[in-house]
Amino acid sequence: MAWPDRFEGQPEKLFGGVKNYWHGTLDQQINNMAKAYNSTAFNEWVAEARAPPIPGSLMLYNRLVSLGFKIVFLTGTREAVRQARITNLKKVGYHTWEKLILKQTSERGTTSVVYKSKKRAELEAAGYRIIGNMGDQWSDLLGTNVGNRTFKVPDPMYYVS
C-alpha cells in the first residue's frame, strides 16, 4: 500500500479539519525541465509553457486529488511567469490546486530554505496542515514547518543550496 493510500476515505476524517494539504514544488518534480537546462535560457523556456509532465508525479497528483487532499505548489519560480506556469500545468494534466505560490520580487535574494519555511509557516498560520511535502531539492524539505512526512525526489540536473 502506497503511503497516500492510507488516507482512503478522506484525509479530513483522519487528521481533522478540511485544510489538509500535500505540498510540492514545480521544477524537475512536476514538470520536466531537462530540455531547458541552460541557465541563460531557463526563463524563456518557462515562459513558453512547454515543459512535459513527469508521469509518476502526475499519477501521484491524481491519486492525492482523488483522496481529497488539497494541493499546494510552492516554488522559487518568479511571480512574473505565473500565467505561463498555470497554462503549462493545465496543459499537461494538473487541473486543480488550492494554491500556487511563486516568489515575489521583494523575496529575491532570500535563500530557498528561508523562503519556503516562511511560506509553509504562513500556510499553517492560516489553518492548513501539511501532510506530505515532496521536493527535488533538500532546500524544499529543510527548515521549519516541513509537514508530517517529507519525500525527496531525485534530481540529476541541478542542486539548490
C-alpha atoms as a PDB file:
ATOM      1  CA  MET A   1       0.000   0.000   0.000  1.00  0.00           C
ATOM      2  CA  ALA A   2       1.406   3.388  -1.006  1.00  0.00           C
ATOM      3  CA  TRP A   3       1.679   5.940   1.775  1.00  0.00           C
ATOM      4  CA  PRO A   4      -1.082   8.257   0.443  1.00  0.00           C
ATOM      5  CA  ASP A   5      -3.466   5.293   0.133  1.00  0.00           C
ATOM      6  CA  ARG A   6      -3.572   5.080   3.929  1.00  0.00           C
ATOM      7  CA  PHE A   7      -5.843   8.108   3.738  1.00  0.00           C
ATOM      8  CA  GLU A   8      -8.594   6.449   1.688  1.00  0.00           C
ATOM      9  CA  GLY A   9     -11.894   7.792   2.938  1.00  0.00           C
ATOM     10  CA  GLN A  10     -10.955  11.462   3.223  1.00  0.00           C
ATOM     11  CA  PRO A  11      -7.909  12.899   4.932  1.00  0.00           C
ATOM     12  CA  GLU A  12     -10.051  15.360   6.912  1.00  0.00           C
ATOM     13  CA  LYS A  13     -11.569  12.435   8.838  1.00  0.00           C
ATOM     14  CA  LEU A  14      -8.124  11.135   9.746  1.00  0.00           C
ATOM     15  CA  PHE A  15      -6.494  14.441  10.601  1.00  0.00           C
ATOM     16  CA  GLY A  16      -9.455  16.665  11.475  1.00  0.00           C
ATOM     17  CA  GLY A  17     -10.326  19.788   9.538  1.00  0.00           C
ATOM     18  CA  VAL A  18     -10.549  20.295   5.807  1.00  0.00           C
ATOM     19  CA  LYS A  19      -7.297  22.138   5.164  1.00  0.00           C
ATOM     20  CA  ASN A  20      -5.026  19.104   4.939  1.00  0.00           C
ATOM     21  CA  TYR A  21      -2.711  19.550   2.027  1.00  0.00           C
ATOM     22  CA  TRP A  22       0.099  17.982   0.073  1.00  0.00           C
ATOM     23  CA  HIS A  23       2.906  20.323  -0.798  1.00  0.00           C
ATOM     24  CA  GLY A  24       5.077  20.028  -3.882  1.00  0.00           C
ATOM     25  CA  THR A  25       7.447  22.112  -5.931  1.00  0.00           C
ATOM     26  CA  LEU A  26       7.248  22.538  -9.704  1.00  0.00           C
ATOM     27  CA  ASP A  27      10.650  22.467 -11.365  1.00  0.00           C
ATOM     28  CA  GLN A  28      12.023  18.987 -12.088  1.00  0.00           C
ATOM     29  CA  GLN A  29       9.356  17.383  -9.956  1.00  0.00           C
ATOM     30  CA  ILE A  30       6.046  18.192 -11.592  1.00  0.00           C
ATOM     31  CA  ASN A  31       7.284  19.449 -14.964  1.00  0.00           C
ATOM     32  CA  ASN A  32      10.386  18.039 -16.652  1.00  0.00           C
ATOM     33  CA  MET A  33      12.699  20.980 -17.219  1.00  0.00           C
ATOM     34  CA  ALA A  34      15.654  18.921 -18.505  1.00  0.00           C
ATOM     35  CA  LYS A  35      15.373  20.206 -22.081  1.00  0.00           C
ATOM     36  CA  ALA A  36      15.632  23.768 -20.832  1.00  0.00           C
ATOM     37  CA  TYR A  37      18.582  23.341 -18.565  1.00  0.00           C
ATOM     38  CA  ASN A  38      20.683  26.234 -19.685  1.00  0.00           C
ATOM     39  CA  SER A  39      20.902  28.990 -17.116  1.00  0.00           C
ATOM     40  CA  THR A  40      20.506  31.723 -19.733  1.00  0.00           C
ATOM     41  CA  ALA A  41      17.514  30.122 -21.469  1.00  0.00           C
ATOM     42  CA  PHE A  42      15.571  28.788 -18.473  1.00  0.00           C
ATOM     43  CA  ASN A  43      13.237  31.767 -18.054  1.00  0.00           C
ATOM     44  CA  GLU A  44      12.421  31.780 -21.768  1.00  0.00           C
ATOM     45  CA  TRP A  45      11.616  28.055 -21.591  1.00  0.00           C
ATOM     46  CA  VAL A  46       9.287  28.576 -18.629  1.00  0.00           C
ATOM     47  CA  ALA A  47       7.522  31.409 -20.479  1.00  0.00           C
ATOM     48  CA  GLU A  48       6.838  29.067 -23.425  1.00  0.00           C
ATOM     49  CA  ALA A  49       4.795  26.740 -21.139  1.00  0.00           C
ATOM     50  CA  ARG A  50       6.022  23.625 -22.963  1.00  0.00           C
ATOM     51  CA  ALA A  51       7.501  21.541 -20.138  1.00  0.00           C
ATOM     52  CA  PRO A  52       6.164  17.979 -20.266  1.00  0.00           C
ATOM     53  CA  PRO A  53       4.837  16.339 -17.107  1.00  0.00           C
ATOM     54  CA  ILE A  54       6.782  13.788 -15.116  1.00  0.00           C
ATOM     55  CA  PRO A  55       4.466  10.756 -15.406  1.00  0.00           C
ATOM     56  CA  GLY A  56       4.927   9.428 -11.855  1.00  0.00           C
ATOM     57  CA  SER A  57       4.310  12.854 -10.356  1.00  0.00           C
ATOM     58  CA  LEU A  58       1.136  13.294 -12.388  1.00  0.00           C
ATOM     59  CA  MET A  59      -0.107   9.871 -11.243  1.00  0.00           C
ATOM     60  CA  LEU A  60       0.590  10.790  -7.602  1.00  0.00           C
ATOM     61  CA  TYR A  61      -1.143  14.154  -8.059  1.00  0.00           C
ATOM     62  CA  ASN A  62      -4.262  12.451  -9.466  1.00  0.00           C
ATOM     63  CA  ARG A  63      -4.282   9.953  -6.601  1.00  0.00           C
ATOM     64  CA  LEU A  64      -3.911  12.681  -3.966  1.00  0.00           C
ATOM     65  CA  VAL A  65      -6.730  14.719  -5.512  1.00  0.00           C
ATOM     66  CA  SER A  66      -8.952  11.609  -5.578  1.00  0.00           C
ATOM     67  CA  LEU A  67      -8.224  11.076  -1.872  1.00  0.00           C
ATOM     68  CA  GLY A  68      -9.350  14.614  -1.074  1.00  0.00           C
ATOM     69  CA  PHE A  69      -6.018  16.304  -0.416  1.00  0.00           C
ATOM     70  CA  LYS A  70      -5.635  19.993  -1.174  1.00  0.00           C
ATOM     71  CA  ILE A  71      -2.641  20.551  -3.453  1.00  0.00           C
ATOM     72  CA  VAL A  72      -0.274  23.462  -2.871  1.00  0.00           C
ATOM     73  CA  PHE A  73       2.547  24.206  -5.282  1.00  0.00           C
ATOM     74  CA  LEU A  74       5.319  26.237  -3.652  1.00  0.00           C
ATOM     75  CA  THR A  75       8.134  27.216  -5.977  1.00  0.00           C
ATOM     76  CA  GLY A  76      11.045  29.586  -6.264  1.00  0.00           C
ATOM     77  CA  THR A  77       9.853  30.436  -9.772  1.00  0.00           C
ATOM     78  CA  ARG A  78       9.301  34.162 -10.062  1.00  0.00           C
ATOM     79  CA  GLU A  79       5.833  35.697  -9.995  1.00  0.00           C
ATOM     80  CA  ALA A  80       6.351  37.232 -13.448  1.00  0.00           C
ATOM     81  CA  VAL A  81       5.756  33.842 -15.110  1.00  0.00           C
ATOM     82  CA  ARG A  82       2.615  32.872 -13.150  1.00  0.00           C
ATOM     83  CA  GLN A  83       0.340  32.709 -16.198  1.00  0.00           C
ATOM     84  CA  ALA A  84       2.835  30.587 -18.145  1.00  0.00           C
ATOM     85  CA  ARG A  85       3.105  28.160 -15.214  1.00  0.00           C
ATOM     86  CA  ILE A  86      -0.689  27.917 -14.907  1.00  0.00           C
ATOM     87  CA  THR A  87      -1.012  27.337 -18.660  1.00  0.00           C
ATOM     88  CA  ASN A  88       1.680  24.644 -18.580  1.00  0.00           C
ATOM     89  CA  LEU A  89       0.216  22.886 -15.535  1.00  0.00           C
ATOM     90  CA  LYS A  90      -3.265  22.727 -17.033  1.00  0.00           C
ATOM     91  CA  LYS A  91      -1.984  21.677 -20.457  1.00  0.00           C
ATOM     92  CA  VAL A  92      -0.248  18.590 -19.025  1.00  0.00           C
ATOM     93  CA  GLY A  93      -2.996  17.457 -16.653  1.00  0.00           C
ATOM     94  CA  TYR A  94      -2.779  19.426 -13.399  1.00  0.00           C
ATOM     95  CA  HIS A  95      -6.233  20.979 -13.337  1.00  0.00           C
ATOM     96  CA  THR A  96      -6.886  21.828  -9.715  1.00  0.00           C
ATOM     97  CA  TRP A  97      -4.896  23.087  -6.769  1.00  0.00           C
ATOM     98  CA  GLU A  98      -5.516  25.068  -3.625  1.00  0.00           C
ATOM     99  CA  LYS A  99      -2.615  27.489  -4.043  1.00  0.00           C
ATOM    100  CA  LEU A 100       0.220  28.242  -6.445  1.00  0.00           C
ATOM    101  CA  ILE A 101       2.840  30.203  -4.516  1.00  0.00           C
ATOM    102  CA  LEU A 102       5.559  31.896  -6.563  1.00  0.00           C
ATOM    103  CA  LYS A 103       8.464  34.035  -5.428  1.00  0.00           C
ATOM    104  CA  GLN A 104       7.745  37.754  -5.311  1.00  0.00           C
ATOM    105  CA  THR A 105      10.236  40.375  -6.481  1.00  0.00           C
ATOM    106  CA  SER A 106      10.624  41.519  -2.860  1.00  0.00           C
ATOM    107  CA  GLU A 107      11.780  37.991  -1.935  1.00  0.00           C
ATOM    108  CA  ARG A 108      14.681  37.922  -4.389  1.00  0.00           C
ATOM    109  CA  GLY A 109      17.903  37.030  -2.676  1.00  0.00           C
ATOM    110  CA  THR A 110      16.128  35.044   0.042  1.00  0.00           C
ATOM    111  CA  THR A 111      17.539  31.523   0.299  1.00  0.00           C
ATOM    112  CA  SER A 112      15.243  28.667  -0.692  1.00  0.00           C
ATOM    113  CA  VAL A 113      15.157  27.230   2.838  1.00  0.00           C
ATOM    114  CA  VAL A 114      14.205  30.578   4.397  1.00  0.00           C
ATOM    115  CA  TYR A 115      11.679  31.422   1.662  1.00  0.00           C
ATOM    116  CA  LYS A 116       9.926  28.040   1.715  1.00  0.00           C
ATOM    117  CA  SER A 117       9.933  27.830   5.527  1.00  0.00           C
ATOM    118  CA  LYS A 118       8.265  31.245   5.674  1.00  0.00           C
ATOM    119  CA  LYS A 119       5.592  30.275   3.146  1.00  0.00           C
ATOM    120  CA  ARG A 120       4.863  26.970   4.908  1.00  0.00           C
ATOM    121  CA  ALA A 121       4.568  28.833   8.234  1.00  0.00           C
ATOM    122  CA  GLU A 122       2.089  31.247   6.627  1.00  0.00           C
ATOM    123  CA  LEU A 123       0.019  28.319   5.358  1.00  0.00           C
ATOM    124  CA  GLU A 124      -0.038  26.711   8.800  1.00  0.00           C
ATOM    125  CA  ALA A 125      -0.947  30.038  10.423  1.00  0.00           C
ATOM    126  CA  ALA A 126      -3.906  30.174   8.005  1.00  0.00           C
ATOM    127  CA  GLY A 127      -5.092  26.795   9.295  1.00  0.00           C
ATOM    128  CA  TYR A 128      -3.547  24.444   6.751  1.00  0.00           C
ATOM    129  CA  ARG A 129      -1.885  21.218   7.859  1.00  0.00           C
ATOM    130  CA  ILE A 130       0.989  19.854   5.768  1.00  0.00           C
ATOM    131  CA  ILE A 131       0.511  16.103   5.490  1.00  0.00           C
ATOM    132  CA  GLY A 132       3.071  15.424   2.752  1.00  0.00           C
ATOM    133  CA  ASN A 133       5.935  17.557   1.483  1.00  0.00           C
ATOM    134  CA  MET A 134       7.677  16.476  -1.702  1.00  0.00           C
ATOM    135  CA  GLY A 135      10.651  18.164  -3.323  1.00  0.00           C
ATOM    136  CA  ASP A 136      13.596  17.566  -5.612  1.00  0.00           C
ATOM    137  CA  GLN A 137      15.972  19.739  -3.579  1.00  0.00           C
ATOM    138  CA  TRP A 138      16.913  19.403   0.077  1.00  0.00           C
ATOM    139  CA  SER A 139      16.018  23.081   0.400  1.00  0.00           C
ATOM    140  CA  ASP A 140      12.392  22.043  -0.312  1.00  0.00           C
ATOM    141  CA  LEU A 141      12.396  19.757   2.713  1.00  0.00           C
ATOM    142  CA  LEU A 142      14.565  21.531   5.289  1.00  0.00           C
ATOM    143  CA  GLY A 143      13.795  24.418   7.605  1.00  0.00           C
ATOM    144  CA  THR A 144      10.604  24.796   9.594  1.00  0.00           C
ATOM    145  CA  ASN A 145       7.027  23.623   9.117  1.00  0.00           C
ATOM    146  CA  VAL A 146       8.035  20.737   6.841  1.00  0.00           C
ATOM    147  CA  GLY A 147       4.936  18.611   7.481  1.00  0.00           C
ATOM    148  CA  ASN A 148       4.133  15.099   8.692  1.00  0.00           C
ATOM    149  CA  ARG A 149       6.182  13.328   6.002  1.00  0.00           C
ATOM    150  CA  THR A 150       8.815  14.519   3.554  1.00  0.00           C
ATOM    151  CA  PHE A 151       9.727  12.852   0.277  1.00  0.00           C
ATOM    152  CA  LYS A 152      12.945  13.612  -1.622  1.00  0.00           C
ATOM    153  CA  VAL A 153      12.608  13.175  -5.372  1.00  0.00           C
ATOM    154  CA  PRO A 154      15.893  12.610  -7.262  1.00  0.00           C
ATOM    155  CA  ASP A 155      17.105  15.433  -9.494  1.00  0.00           C
ATOM    156  CA  PRO A 156      20.143  14.756 -11.667  1.00  0.00           C
ATOM    157  CA  MET A 157      20.052  18.235 -13.246  1.00  0.00           C
ATOM    158  CA  TYR A 158      20.975  20.710 -10.526  1.00  0.00           C
ATOM    159  CA  TYR A 159      21.382  21.378  -6.810  1.00  0.00           C
ATOM    160  CA  VAL A 160      19.964  24.350  -4.894  1.00  0.00           C
ATOM    161  CA  SER A 161      21.523  25.144  -1.536  1.00  0.00           C
END
